Amino acid sequence: MHVLALGSIALKPSVWPFAVGAMVADHASLLLGGLLPRCRILGPNLTRVPRCDNRSRVVSLTFDDGPHPELTPRVLDVLDQYGARASFFCVGRLVEEHASLVREMIERGHRIENHTWSHPNSFAFLPPNGLATQIGRTQSIIDQVTGRAPVYFRAPAGIRSPWLAPVLHRLRLHLVSWTRRGFDTVEKDANRICRRLVRNLAAADILLLHDGGERDTTHRSTVLLDVLPRVLAEIKLKGLEAVPLP
């Protein structure tokens, strides 16, 4: 886009407003594509359970930012009570630190997926080699701990750059966002979180909650353990089954 625009200006200077406008529009579309987690401008992005139709009657419950040594085991117990299984998008350094907990998660029927090595707030601004390091290092430690390399990746906060899709392609990873999320990292009202997750709940939905993170873990634990049983009960009430991403 830049080469074409600059070439056009060089050949015919009077077209500069149109050329500059094209470059601005190009940058705006890239920015929009990176900031909107469910957008597909920058490449494939799963927002619903793949290979699933209404007859399958399944939803995928996903958790980000863990594992947390105190909260995650309690989440596992709640999931067991409802016969539910989930996909956990884990931070690589925490997988390394809590390897025995991660193996327990696998033994209890859950899946471990990739959520970067250290969950940097600047993830979307990293160059390609920085993205590859964050993601590749996590692939390696999860494979080492669980015996299975992840097949799905979720970017921190869902924000990504134009360089991400090629990196994921090389590592054979699929980008996943969500159908609906509870905003449980910032919301303090459990009723509102629950409503966001179960309103119009349907087969093939991907739901997002968090079982880890750096901020206010005590509050998050209280809210999550209030919300999760209610969400699981609603899933059962609608005749759906909570399963990991296939």
Protein backbone atom coordinates (compact mmCIF):
# COMPACT_ATOMS: atom_id res chain seq x y z
CA MET A 1 0.00 0.00 0.00
CA HIS A 2 2.82 2.42 0.89
CA VAL A 3 4.80 1.59 -2.26
CA LEU A 4 1.76 2.10 -4.48
CA ALA A 5 0.83 5.35 -2.75
CA LEU A 6 4.33 6.82 -2.88
CA GLY A 7 4.78 5.68 -6.47
CA SER A 8 1.53 7.37 -7.44
CA ILE A 9 2.62 10.61 -5.80
CA ALA A 10 6.00 10.46 -7.58
CA LEU A 11 4.33 9.98 -10.97
CA LYS A 12 1.54 12.46 -10.39
CA PRO A 13 1.97 14.75 -7.34
CA SER A 14 -1.58 16.05 -7.58
CA VAL A 15 -2.97 12.69 -6.40
CA TRP A 16 -1.27 13.00 -2.99
CA PRO A 17 -4.55 13.54 -1.04
CA PHE A 18 -5.95 10.28 -2.38
CA ALA A 19 -2.70 8.38 -1.82
CA VAL A 20 -2.32 9.62 1.75
CA GLY A 21 -6.00 8.87 2.38
CA ALA A 22 -5.45 5.29 1.18
CA MET A 23 -2.50 4.85 3.56
CA VAL A 24 -4.48 6.27 6.49
CA ALA A 25 -7.40 3.96 5.70
CA ASP A 26 -5.01 1.01 5.53
CA HIS A 27 -3.52 1.79 8.94
CA ALA A 28 -6.96 2.38 10.42
CA SER A 29 -8.19 -1.02 9.23
CA LEU A 30 -5.13 -2.74 10.71
CA LEU A 31 -5.59 -0.91 14.00
CA LEU A 32 -9.28 -1.78 14.11
CA GLY A 33 -8.56 -5.40 13.26
CA GLY A 34 -6.09 -5.67 16.13
CA LEU A 35 -8.19 -3.92 18.76
CA LEU A 36 -11.42 -5.84 18.12
CA PRO A 37 -10.83 -9.33 19.55
CA ARG A 38 -13.49 -11.05 17.42
CA CYS A 39 -12.46 -9.38 14.15
CA ARG A 40 -11.11 -11.44 11.23
CA ILE A 41 -9.40 -8.67 9.25
CA LEU A 42 -5.96 -9.86 10.33
CA GLY A 43 -6.58 -13.57 9.74
CA PRO A 44 -8.66 -16.57 10.82
CA ASN A 45 -10.17 -16.23 14.29
CA LEU A 46 -12.47 -18.76 15.94
CA THR A 47 -15.43 -17.21 17.74
CA ARG A 48 -17.51 -20.39 17.92
CA VAL A 49 -16.71 -24.04 18.53
CA PRO A 50 -15.27 -25.41 15.28
CA ARG A 51 -16.85 -28.38 13.54
CA CYS A 52 -20.01 -27.97 15.59
CA ASP A 53 -23.65 -27.46 14.65
CA ASN A 54 -26.88 -27.05 16.63
CA ARG A 55 -27.33 -30.82 16.81
CA SER A 56 -24.05 -31.19 18.70
CA ARG A 57 -25.49 -29.34 21.75
CA VAL A 58 -22.09 -28.40 23.15
CA VAL A 59 -20.47 -25.18 24.34
CA SER A 60 -16.84 -24.58 25.24
CA LEU A 61 -16.00 -23.01 28.57
CA THR A 62 -12.56 -21.39 28.47
CA PHE A 63 -10.40 -19.89 31.21
CA ASP A 64 -7.51 -17.45 30.76
CA ASP A 65 -4.45 -16.31 32.73
CA GLY A 66 -3.90 -19.36 34.97
CA PRO A 67 -3.05 -21.67 36.44
CA HIS A 68 -3.42 -20.19 39.90
CA PRO A 69 -2.32 -22.51 42.75
CA GLU A 70 -5.32 -21.65 44.96
CA LEU A 71 -8.11 -20.68 42.58
CA THR A 72 -7.65 -23.20 39.77
CA PRO A 73 -8.09 -26.31 41.99
CA ARG A 74 -11.39 -24.86 43.27
CA VAL A 75 -12.50 -24.22 39.69
CA LEU A 76 -11.66 -27.84 38.84
CA ASP A 77 -13.81 -29.05 41.75
CA VAL A 78 -16.80 -27.01 40.56
CA LEU A 79 -16.39 -28.32 37.02
CA ASP A 80 -16.30 -31.88 38.36
CA GLN A 81 -19.53 -31.33 40.27
CA TYR A 82 -21.31 -30.51 37.01
CA GLY A 83 -19.53 -33.07 34.85
CA ALA A 84 -18.06 -30.23 32.79
CA ARG A 85 -14.72 -30.06 30.99
CA ALA A 86 -12.97 -26.91 29.82
CA SER A 87 -10.05 -25.45 27.87
CA PHE A 88 -7.54 -23.50 29.95
CA PHE A 89 -5.47 -20.89 28.10
CA CYS A 90 -2.44 -20.86 30.34
CA VAL A 91 0.52 -18.55 30.81
CA GLY A 92 3.73 -20.44 30.07
CA ARG A 93 5.77 -19.31 33.07
CA LEU A 94 2.91 -20.37 35.38
CA VAL A 95 2.74 -23.77 33.68
CA GLU A 96 6.43 -24.19 34.44
CA GLU A 97 5.95 -23.01 38.03
CA HIS A 98 2.88 -25.18 38.73
CA ALA A 99 3.60 -28.22 36.56
CA SER A 100 1.97 -30.73 38.94
CA LEU A 101 -1.27 -28.72 38.96
CA VAL A 102 -1.25 -28.59 35.16
CA ARG A 103 -0.83 -32.36 34.97
CA GLU A 104 -3.76 -32.73 37.37
CA MET A 105 -5.87 -30.55 35.06
CA ILE A 106 -5.09 -32.91 32.18
CA GLU A 107 -5.86 -35.98 34.30
CA ARG A 108 -9.26 -34.48 35.17
CA GLY A 109 -10.19 -34.23 31.50
CA HIS A 110 -9.34 -30.62 30.64
CA ARG A 111 -7.15 -29.18 27.88
CA ILE A 112 -4.24 -26.79 28.17
CA GLU A 113 -3.79 -24.16 25.46
CA ASN A 114 -1.39 -21.28 24.76
CA HIS A 115 -1.78 -17.79 26.25
CA THR A 116 1.82 -16.49 25.82
CA TRP A 117 4.79 -16.99 28.12
CA SER A 118 4.37 -13.97 30.43
CA HIS A 119 1.11 -12.27 29.33
CA PRO A 120 2.82 -8.94 28.47
CA ASN A 121 0.57 -5.91 28.20
CA SER A 122 2.67 -4.87 25.20
CA PHE A 123 2.09 -8.16 23.35
CA ALA A 124 0.40 -6.54 20.33
CA PHE A 125 3.41 -4.21 19.87
CA LEU A 126 6.08 -6.92 19.83
CA PRO A 127 8.01 -7.56 16.60
CA PRO A 128 7.58 -10.95 14.90
CA ASN A 129 10.54 -12.53 16.72
CA GLY A 130 9.13 -11.33 20.06
CA LEU A 131 5.75 -12.87 19.27
CA ALA A 132 7.43 -16.12 18.23
CA THR A 133 9.42 -16.25 21.47
CA GLN A 134 6.37 -15.63 23.69
CA ILE A 135 4.29 -18.24 21.88
CA GLY A 136 6.95 -20.80 20.98
CA ARG A 137 8.39 -20.97 24.50
CA THR A 138 4.90 -21.64 25.87
CA GLN A 139 4.30 -24.35 23.25
CA SER A 140 7.47 -26.09 24.41
CA ILE A 141 6.77 -26.00 28.15
CA ILE A 142 3.16 -27.17 27.78
CA ASP A 143 4.28 -30.03 25.52
CA GLN A 144 6.98 -30.92 28.03
CA VAL A 145 4.64 -30.85 31.05
CA THR A 146 1.54 -32.45 29.51
CA GLY A 147 2.85 -34.48 26.59
CA ARG A 148 0.61 -32.55 24.19
CA ALA A 149 1.42 -29.33 22.36
CA PRO A 150 -1.44 -26.80 22.27
CA VAL A 151 -3.42 -26.37 19.07
CA TYR A 152 -5.15 -23.11 20.08
CA PHE A 153 -3.84 -19.67 21.03
CA ARG A 154 -5.52 -16.65 22.59
CA ALA A 155 -3.84 -13.24 22.68
CA PRO A 156 -3.77 -11.26 25.94
CA ALA A 157 -7.03 -9.26 26.05
CA GLY A 158 -7.62 -10.49 22.50
CA ILE A 159 -5.50 -7.63 21.11
CA ARG A 160 -3.11 -8.58 18.32
CA SER A 161 -0.91 -7.24 15.54
CA PRO A 162 -0.66 -7.94 11.79
CA TRP A 163 2.46 -10.03 12.52
CA LEU A 164 0.58 -12.60 14.64
CA ALA A 165 -1.16 -14.73 11.99
CA PRO A 166 2.07 -15.79 10.21
CA VAL A 167 3.65 -16.75 13.54
CA LEU A 168 0.63 -18.85 14.50
CA HIS A 169 0.64 -20.49 11.07
CA ARG A 170 4.28 -21.55 11.45
CA LEU A 171 3.56 -23.00 14.91
CA ARG A 172 0.37 -24.74 13.66
CA LEU A 173 -1.83 -22.85 16.10
CA HIS A 174 -5.39 -21.59 15.62
CA LEU A 175 -6.37 -18.19 17.02
CA VAL A 176 -9.39 -18.32 19.32
CA SER A 177 -11.38 -15.44 20.75
CA TRP A 178 -14.90 -16.05 22.14
CA THR A 179 -18.61 -15.78 21.51
CA ARG A 180 -19.28 -14.03 24.81
CA ARG A 181 -17.26 -13.03 27.85
CA GLY A 182 -18.16 -12.02 31.38
CA PHE A 183 -15.60 -9.23 31.92
CA ASP A 184 -14.92 -10.92 35.25
CA THR A 185 -11.50 -9.29 35.55
CA VAL A 186 -13.07 -5.84 35.96
CA GLU A 187 -16.73 -6.41 36.88
CA LYS A 188 -17.64 -6.75 40.56
CA ASP A 189 -21.29 -7.69 40.12
CA ALA A 190 -21.64 -11.47 39.76
CA ASN A 191 -25.20 -11.13 38.46
CA ARG A 192 -24.09 -8.95 35.56
CA ILE A 193 -21.22 -11.29 34.70
CA CYS A 194 -23.59 -14.23 34.67
CA ARG A 195 -26.12 -12.43 32.47
CA ARG A 196 -23.45 -11.60 29.89
CA LEU A 197 -22.46 -15.24 29.66
CA VAL A 198 -25.86 -16.95 29.54
CA ARG A 199 -28.08 -14.44 27.72
CA ASN A 200 -29.09 -16.12 24.44
CA LEU A 201 -26.68 -18.97 25.18
CA ALA A 202 -26.63 -21.42 22.26
CA ALA A 203 -24.81 -24.48 20.97
CA ALA A 204 -21.24 -23.84 19.73
CA ASP A 205 -20.77 -20.76 21.93
CA ILE A 206 -17.30 -20.16 23.40
CA LEU A 207 -17.46 -18.58 26.87
CA LEU A 208 -14.57 -16.73 28.51
CA LEU A 209 -13.73 -16.47 32.20
CA HIS A 210 -10.43 -16.11 34.10
CA ASP A 211 -8.85 -18.38 36.72
CA GLY A 212 -5.69 -16.29 37.17
CA GLY A 213 -4.12 -12.89 36.80
CA GLU A 214 -2.00 -10.43 38.71
CA ARG A 215 -4.66 -8.08 40.07
CA ASP A 216 -7.06 -8.57 42.99
CA THR A 217 -7.05 -12.36 42.94
CA THR A 218 -9.07 -12.58 46.17
CA HIS A 219 -11.96 -10.59 44.70
CA ARG A 220 -11.74 -12.49 41.41
CA SER A 221 -11.86 -15.81 43.27
CA THR A 222 -15.03 -14.82 45.13
CA VAL A 223 -16.77 -13.61 41.98
CA LEU A 224 -15.69 -16.54 39.79
CA LEU A 225 -16.76 -19.15 42.32
CA ASP A 226 -20.14 -17.42 42.56
CA VAL A 227 -20.60 -17.13 38.80
CA LEU A 228 -19.29 -20.50 37.61
CA PRO A 229 -21.89 -22.79 39.23
CA ARG A 230 -24.70 -20.58 37.94
CA VAL A 231 -23.32 -20.64 34.41
CA LEU A 232 -22.86 -24.41 34.51
CA ALA A 233 -26.41 -24.87 35.83
CA GLU A 234 -27.76 -22.73 32.97
CA ILE A 235 -25.77 -24.76 30.46
CA LYS A 236 -27.39 -27.95 31.76
CA LEU A 237 -30.82 -26.33 31.87
CA LYS A 238 -30.56 -25.56 28.15
CA GLY A 239 -29.63 -29.16 27.40
CA LEU A 240 -26.07 -28.27 26.53
CA GLU A 241 -22.76 -29.87 27.52
CA ALA A 242 -19.57 -28.00 28.46
CA VAL A 243 -16.61 -29.52 26.62
CA PRO A 244 -13.05 -28.43 25.71
CA LEU A 245 -12.40 -27.01 22.27
CA PRO A 246 -12.06 -30.00 19.91
